[in-house]
Amino acid sequence: MSQNDVTTRSNRGQWENAVEGRPELSASFSSREEAIDQGRATADELGSRHIVEDAEPTGAPTDEG
């Protein structure tokens, strides 16, 4: 990954956006769609890539069906 790349991933039932080298820009969301939308917008603002890491189903009620 390069500086300012944004990665959207599942983390313990929530979705988070992590910005490489810029932890102050990282954020958590309750829905995958919201995290992806915001991650894409952040990457666009920074002129960087947006990567979505799909999570393996855990059987938790928050899993997408």
PDB file of N, CA and C in Angstrom:
ATOM      1  N   MET A   1       0.833  -1.187   0.000  1.00  0.00           N
ATOM      2  CA  MET A   1       0.000   0.000   0.000  1.00  0.00           C
ATOM      3  C   MET A   1       0.876   1.248   0.000  1.00  0.00           C
ATOM      4  N   SER A   2       0.314   2.288  -0.558  1.00  0.00           N
ATOM      5  CA  SER A   2       1.022   3.562  -0.638  1.00  0.00           C
ATOM      6  C   SER A   2       0.451   4.547   0.369  1.00  0.00           C
ATOM      7  N   GLN A   3       1.213   5.578   0.640  1.00  0.00           N
ATOM      8  CA  GLN A   3       0.767   6.653   1.528  1.00  0.00           C
ATOM      9  C   GLN A   3      -0.603   7.153   1.078  1.00  0.00           C
ATOM     10  N   ASN A   4      -1.512   7.332   2.003  1.00  0.00           N
ATOM     11  CA  ASN A   4      -2.866   7.851   1.799  1.00  0.00           C
ATOM     12  C   ASN A   4      -3.844   6.861   1.180  1.00  0.00           C
ATOM     13  N   ASP A   5      -3.427   5.624   0.837  1.00  0.00           N
ATOM     14  CA  ASP A   5      -4.390   4.640   0.347  1.00  0.00           C
ATOM     15  C   ASP A   5      -5.413   4.359   1.449  1.00  0.00           C
ATOM     16  N   VAL A   6      -6.667   4.198   1.051  1.00  0.00           N
ATOM     17  CA  VAL A   6      -7.757   3.960   1.995  1.00  0.00           C
ATOM     18  C   VAL A   6      -8.209   2.510   1.860  1.00  0.00           C
ATOM     19  N   THR A   7      -8.238   1.790   2.986  1.00  0.00           N
ATOM     20  CA  THR A   7      -8.703   0.412   3.000  1.00  0.00           C
ATOM     21  C   THR A   7      -9.957   0.319   3.842  1.00  0.00           C
ATOM     22  N   THR A   8     -11.028  -0.246   3.255  1.00  0.00           N
ATOM     23  CA  THR A   8     -12.276  -0.488   3.965  1.00  0.00           C
ATOM     24  C   THR A   8     -12.312  -1.966   4.310  1.00  0.00           C
ATOM     25  N   ARG A   9     -12.511  -2.281   5.612  1.00  0.00           N
ATOM     26  CA  ARG A   9     -12.530  -3.684   6.052  1.00  0.00           C
ATOM     27  C   ARG A   9     -13.468  -3.843   7.242  1.00  0.00           C
ATOM     28  N   SER A  10     -13.907  -5.079   7.429  1.00  0.00           N
ATOM     29  CA  SER A  10     -14.736  -5.411   8.578  1.00  0.00           C
ATOM     30  C   SER A  10     -13.837  -5.607   9.795  1.00  0.00           C
ATOM     31  N   ASN A  11     -14.307  -5.114  10.936  1.00  0.00           N
ATOM     32  CA  ASN A  11     -13.554  -5.262  12.175  1.00  0.00           C
ATOM     33  C   ASN A  11     -14.525  -5.455  13.328  1.00  0.00           C
ATOM     34  N   ARG A  12     -14.692  -6.694  13.756  1.00  0.00           N
ATOM     35  CA  ARG A  12     -15.543  -7.038  14.905  1.00  0.00           C
ATOM     36  C   ARG A  12     -16.965  -6.499  14.784  1.00  0.00           C
ATOM     37  N   GLY A  13     -17.579  -6.725  13.633  1.00  0.00           N
ATOM     38  CA  GLY A  13     -18.974  -6.341  13.456  1.00  0.00           C
ATOM     39  C   GLY A  13     -19.197  -4.930  12.943  1.00  0.00           C
ATOM     40  N   GLN A  14     -18.135  -4.142  12.855  1.00  0.00           N
ATOM     41  CA  GLN A  14     -18.249  -2.810  12.284  1.00  0.00           C
ATOM     42  C   GLN A  14     -17.357  -2.745  11.060  1.00  0.00           C
ATOM     43  N   TRP A  15     -17.553  -1.723  10.274  1.00  0.00           N
ATOM     44  CA  TRP A  15     -16.701  -1.495   9.096  1.00  0.00           C
ATOM     45  C   TRP A  15     -15.847  -0.284   9.373  1.00  0.00           C
ATOM     46  N   GLU A  16     -14.579  -0.373   8.975  1.00  0.00           N
ATOM     47  CA  GLU A  16     -13.678   0.737   9.224  1.00  0.00           C
ATOM     48  C   GLU A  16     -12.920   1.113   7.971  1.00  0.00           C
ATOM     49  N   ASN A  17     -12.577   2.381   7.891  1.00  0.00           N
ATOM     50  CA  ASN A  17     -11.705   2.890   6.840  1.00  0.00           C
ATOM     51  C   ASN A  17     -10.389   3.253   7.501  1.00  0.00           C
ATOM     52  N   ALA A  18      -9.315   2.654   7.013  1.00  0.00           N
ATOM     53  CA  ALA A  18      -7.983   2.962   7.510  1.00  0.00           C
ATOM     54  C   ALA A  18      -7.214   3.669   6.403  1.00  0.00           C
ATOM     55  N   VAL A  19      -6.607   4.800   6.732  1.00  0.00           N
ATOM     56  CA  VAL A  19      -5.842   5.579   5.764  1.00  0.00           C
ATOM     57  C   VAL A  19      -4.360   5.369   6.063  1.00  0.00           C
ATOM     58  N   GLU A  20      -3.649   4.793   5.107  1.00  0.00           N
ATOM     59  CA  GLU A  20      -2.225   4.490   5.274  1.00  0.00           C
ATOM     60  C   GLU A  20      -1.432   5.752   5.593  1.00  0.00           C
ATOM     61  N   GLY A  21      -0.761   5.737   6.753  1.00  0.00           N
ATOM     62  CA  GLY A  21       0.064   6.870   7.152  1.00  0.00           C
ATOM     63  C   GLY A  21      -0.698   8.051   7.721  1.00  0.00           C
ATOM     64  N   ARG A  22      -2.027   7.958   7.811  1.00  0.00           N
ATOM     65  CA  ARG A  22      -2.853   9.067   8.308  1.00  0.00           C
ATOM     66  C   ARG A  22      -3.913   8.533   9.272  1.00  0.00           C
ATOM     67  N   PRO A  23      -3.504   7.983  10.420  1.00  0.00           N
ATOM     68  CA  PRO A  23      -4.475   7.380  11.339  1.00  0.00           C
ATOM     69  C   PRO A  23      -5.564   8.346  11.814  1.00  0.00           C
ATOM     70  N   GLU A  24      -5.275   9.644  11.792  1.00  0.00           N
ATOM     71  CA  GLU A  24      -6.283  10.617  12.234  1.00  0.00           C
ATOM     72  C   GLU A  24      -7.468  10.698  11.275  1.00  0.00           C
ATOM     73  N   LEU A  25      -7.315  10.177  10.050  1.00  0.00           N
ATOM     74  CA  LEU A  25      -8.405  10.181   9.074  1.00  0.00           C
ATOM     75  C   LEU A  25      -9.206   8.882   9.080  1.00  0.00           C
ATOM     76  N   SER A  26      -8.784   7.902   9.879  1.00  0.00           N
ATOM     77  CA  SER A  26      -9.489   6.622   9.940  1.00  0.00           C
ATOM     78  C   SER A  26     -10.816   6.804  10.667  1.00  0.00           C
ATOM     79  N   ALA A  27     -11.812   5.970  10.303  1.00  0.00           N
ATOM     80  CA  ALA A  27     -13.144   6.095  10.893  1.00  0.00           C
ATOM     81  C   ALA A  27     -13.857   4.747  10.864  1.00  0.00           C
ATOM     82  N   SER A  28     -14.857   4.584  11.752  1.00  0.00           N
ATOM     83  CA  SER A  28     -15.664   3.360  11.816  1.00  0.00           C
ATOM     84  C   SER A  28     -17.100   3.667  11.440  1.00  0.00           C
ATOM     85  N   PHE A  29     -17.771   2.643  10.859  1.00  0.00           N
ATOM     86  CA  PHE A  29     -19.154   2.786  10.400  1.00  0.00           C
ATOM     87  C   PHE A  29     -19.928   1.526  10.755  1.00  0.00           C
ATOM     88  N   SER A  30     -21.240   1.657  10.902  1.00  0.00           N
ATOM     89  CA  SER A  30     -22.058   0.486  11.226  1.00  0.00           C
ATOM     90  C   SER A  30     -22.441  -0.312   9.992  1.00  0.00           C
ATOM     91  N   SER A  31     -22.388   0.314   8.802  1.00  0.00           N
ATOM     92  CA  SER A  31     -22.758  -0.420   7.594  1.00  0.00           C
ATOM     93  C   SER A  31     -21.627  -0.438   6.584  1.00  0.00           C
ATOM     94  N   ARG A  32     -21.573  -1.509   5.819  1.00  0.00           N
ATOM     95  CA  ARG A  32     -20.560  -1.670   4.780  1.00  0.00           C
ATOM     96  C   ARG A  32     -20.695  -0.580   3.718  1.00  0.00           C
ATOM     97  N   GLU A  33     -21.942  -0.319   3.298  1.00  0.00           N
ATOM     98  CA  GLU A  33     -22.185   0.660   2.245  1.00  0.00           C
ATOM     99  C   GLU A  33     -21.701   2.052   2.646  1.00  0.00           C
ATOM    100  N   GLU A  34     -21.998   2.452   3.878  1.00  0.00           N
ATOM    101  CA  GLU A  34     -21.585   3.768   4.362  1.00  0.00           C
ATOM    102  C   GLU A  34     -20.056   3.873   4.391  1.00  0.00           C
ATOM    103  N   ALA A  35     -19.398   2.806   4.859  1.00  0.00           N
ATOM    104  CA  ALA A  35     -17.939   2.801   4.922  1.00  0.00           C
ATOM    105  C   ALA A  35     -17.329   2.884   3.523  1.00  0.00           C
ATOM    106  N   ILE A  36     -17.895   2.141   2.576  1.00  0.00           N
ATOM    107  CA  ILE A  36     -17.378   2.165   1.208  1.00  0.00           C
ATOM    108  C   ILE A  36     -17.573   3.540   0.580  1.00  0.00           C
ATOM    109  N   ASP A  37     -18.751   4.122   0.749  1.00  0.00           N
ATOM    110  CA  ASP A  37     -19.007   5.455   0.197  1.00  0.00           C
ATOM    111  C   ASP A  37     -18.024   6.479   0.758  1.00  0.00           C
ATOM    112  N   GLN A  38     -17.830   6.455   2.072  1.00  0.00           N
ATOM    113  CA  GLN A  38     -16.923   7.421   2.690  1.00  0.00           C
ATOM    114  C   GLN A  38     -15.468   7.129   2.326  1.00  0.00           C
ATOM    115  N   GLY A  39     -15.110   5.843   2.252  1.00  0.00           N
ATOM    116  CA  GLY A  39     -13.748   5.476   1.864  1.00  0.00           C
ATOM    117  C   GLY A  39     -13.419   5.937   0.460  1.00  0.00           C
ATOM    118  N   ARG A  40     -14.366   5.780  -0.446  1.00  0.00           N
ATOM    119  CA  ARG A  40     -14.176   6.231  -1.829  1.00  0.00           C
ATOM    120  C   ARG A  40     -14.009   7.752  -1.875  1.00  0.00           C
ATOM    121  N   ALA A  41     -14.834   8.465  -1.118  1.00  0.00           N
ATOM    122  CA  ALA A  41     -14.758   9.929  -1.096  1.00  0.00           C
ATOM    123  C   ALA A  41     -13.428  10.393  -0.507  1.00  0.00           C
ATOM    124  N   THR A  42     -12.973   9.744   0.555  1.00  0.00           N
ATOM    125  CA  THR A  42     -11.697  10.112   1.171  1.00  0.00           C
ATOM    126  C   THR A  42     -10.549   9.865   0.203  1.00  0.00           C
ATOM    127  N   ALA A  43     -10.553   8.716  -0.474  1.00  0.00           N
ATOM    128  CA  ALA A  43      -9.505   8.403  -1.441  1.00  0.00           C
ATOM    129  C   ALA A  43      -9.501   9.419  -2.581  1.00  0.00           C
ATOM    130  N   ASP A  44     -10.689   9.809  -3.047  1.00  0.00           N
ATOM    131  CA  ASP A  44     -10.780  10.814  -4.108  1.00  0.00           C
ATOM    132  C   ASP A  44     -10.164  12.143  -3.657  1.00  0.00           C
ATOM    133  N   GLU A  45     -10.481  12.547  -2.425  1.00  0.00           N
ATOM    134  CA  GLU A  45      -9.947  13.807  -1.892  1.00  0.00           C
ATOM    135  C   GLU A  45      -8.424  13.773  -1.788  1.00  0.00           C
ATOM    136  N   LEU A  46      -7.889  12.606  -1.429  1.00  0.00           N
ATOM    137  CA  LEU A  46      -6.449  12.469  -1.227  1.00  0.00           C
ATOM    138  C   LEU A  46      -5.705  12.105  -2.507  1.00  0.00           C
ATOM    139  N   GLY A  47      -6.449  11.786  -3.566  1.00  0.00           N
ATOM    140  CA  GLY A  47      -5.826  11.363  -4.815  1.00  0.00           C
ATOM    141  C   GLY A  47      -5.152  10.005  -4.690  1.00  0.00           C
ATOM    142  N   SER A  48      -5.771   9.118  -3.920  1.00  0.00           N
ATOM    143  CA  SER A  48      -5.173   7.808  -3.659  1.00  0.00           C
ATOM    144  C   SER A  48      -6.139   6.689  -4.042  1.00  0.00           C
ATOM    145  N   ARG A  49      -5.709   5.447  -3.780  1.00  0.00           N
ATOM    146  CA  ARG A  49      -6.543   4.283  -4.104  1.00  0.00           C
ATOM    147  C   ARG A  49      -7.480   3.947  -2.954  1.00  0.00           C
ATOM    148  N   HIS A  50      -8.611   3.310  -3.299  1.00  0.00           N
ATOM    149  CA  HIS A  50      -9.548   2.785  -2.307  1.00  0.00           C
ATOM    150  C   HIS A  50      -9.622   1.281  -2.496  1.00  0.00           C
ATOM    151  N   ILE A  51      -9.337   0.530  -1.444  1.00  0.00           N
ATOM    152  CA  ILE A  51      -9.338  -0.925  -1.472  1.00  0.00           C
ATOM    153  C   ILE A  51     -10.400  -1.421  -0.501  1.00  0.00           C
ATOM    154  N   VAL A  52     -11.261  -2.351  -0.955  1.00  0.00           N
ATOM    155  CA  VAL A  52     -12.270  -2.946  -0.087  1.00  0.00           C
ATOM    156  C   VAL A  52     -11.868  -4.384   0.161  1.00  0.00           C
ATOM    157  N   GLU A  53     -11.664  -4.735   1.438  1.00  0.00           N
ATOM    158  CA  GLU A  53     -11.349  -6.102   1.821  1.00  0.00           C
ATOM    159  C   GLU A  53     -12.641  -6.755   2.311  1.00  0.00           C
ATOM    160  N   ASP A  54     -13.151  -7.706   1.534  1.00  0.00           N
ATOM    161  CA  ASP A  54     -14.371  -8.398   1.940  1.00  0.00           C
ATOM    162  C   ASP A  54     -14.080  -9.334   3.101  1.00  0.00           C
ATOM    163  N   ALA A  55     -15.008  -9.389   4.040  1.00  0.00           N
ATOM    164  CA  ALA A  55     -14.858 -10.218   5.238  1.00  0.00           C
ATOM    165  C   ALA A  55     -15.479 -11.591   5.020  1.00  0.00           C
ATOM    166  N   GLU A  56     -14.918 -12.563   5.683  1.00  0.00           N
ATOM    167  CA  GLU A  56     -15.510 -13.899   5.688  1.00  0.00           C
ATOM    168  C   GLU A  56     -16.717 -13.875   6.605  1.00  0.00           C
ATOM    169  N   PRO A  57     -17.819 -14.558   6.234  1.00  0.00           N
ATOM    170  CA  PRO A  57     -18.992 -14.607   7.106  1.00  0.00           C
ATOM    171  C   PRO A  57     -18.659 -15.258   8.449  1.00  0.00           C
ATOM    172  N   THR A  58     -19.157 -14.657   9.535  1.00  0.00           N
ATOM    173  CA  THR A  58     -18.886 -15.194  10.867  1.00  0.00           C
ATOM    174  C   THR A  58     -20.119 -15.843  11.485  1.00  0.00           C
ATOM    175  N   GLY A  59     -21.281 -15.639  10.861  1.00  0.00           N
ATOM    176  CA  GLY A  59     -22.514 -16.134  11.445  1.00  0.00           C
ATOM    177  C   GLY A  59     -23.157 -15.126  12.391  1.00  0.00           C
ATOM    178  N   ALA A  60     -22.531 -13.982  12.564  1.00  0.00           N
ATOM    179  CA  ALA A  60     -23.072 -12.946  13.447  1.00  0.00           C
ATOM    180  C   ALA A  60     -24.270 -12.276  12.769  1.00  0.00           C
ATOM    181  N   PRO A  61     -25.189 -11.752  13.566  1.00  0.00           N
ATOM    182  CA  PRO A  61     -26.372 -11.086  12.995  1.00  0.00           C
ATOM    183  C   PRO A  61     -26.015  -9.911  12.089  1.00  0.00           C
ATOM    184  N   THR A  62     -24.822  -9.351  12.224  1.00  0.00           N
ATOM    185  CA  THR A  62     -24.431  -8.209  11.403  1.00  0.00           C
ATOM    186  C   THR A  62     -23.936  -8.620  10.037  1.00  0.00           C
ATOM    187  N   ASP A  63     -23.742  -9.938   9.796  1.00  0.00           N
ATOM    188  CA  ASP A  63     -23.286 -10.408   8.484  1.00  0.00           C
ATOM    189  C   ASP A  63     -24.327 -10.104   7.431  1.00  0.00           C
ATOM    190  N   GLU A  64     -23.856  -9.734   6.246  1.00  0.00           N
ATOM    191  CA  GLU A  64     -24.766  -9.477   5.140  1.00  0.00           C
ATOM    192  C   GLU A  64     -25.253 -10.801   4.601  1.00  0.00           C
ATOM    193  N   GLY A  65     -26.529 -10.871   4.235  1.00  0.00           N
ATOM    194  CA  GLY A  65     -27.088 -12.138   3.792  1.00  0.00           C
ATOM    195  C   GLY A  65     -27.246 -12.314   2.346  1.00  0.00           C
TER     196      GLY A  65
END
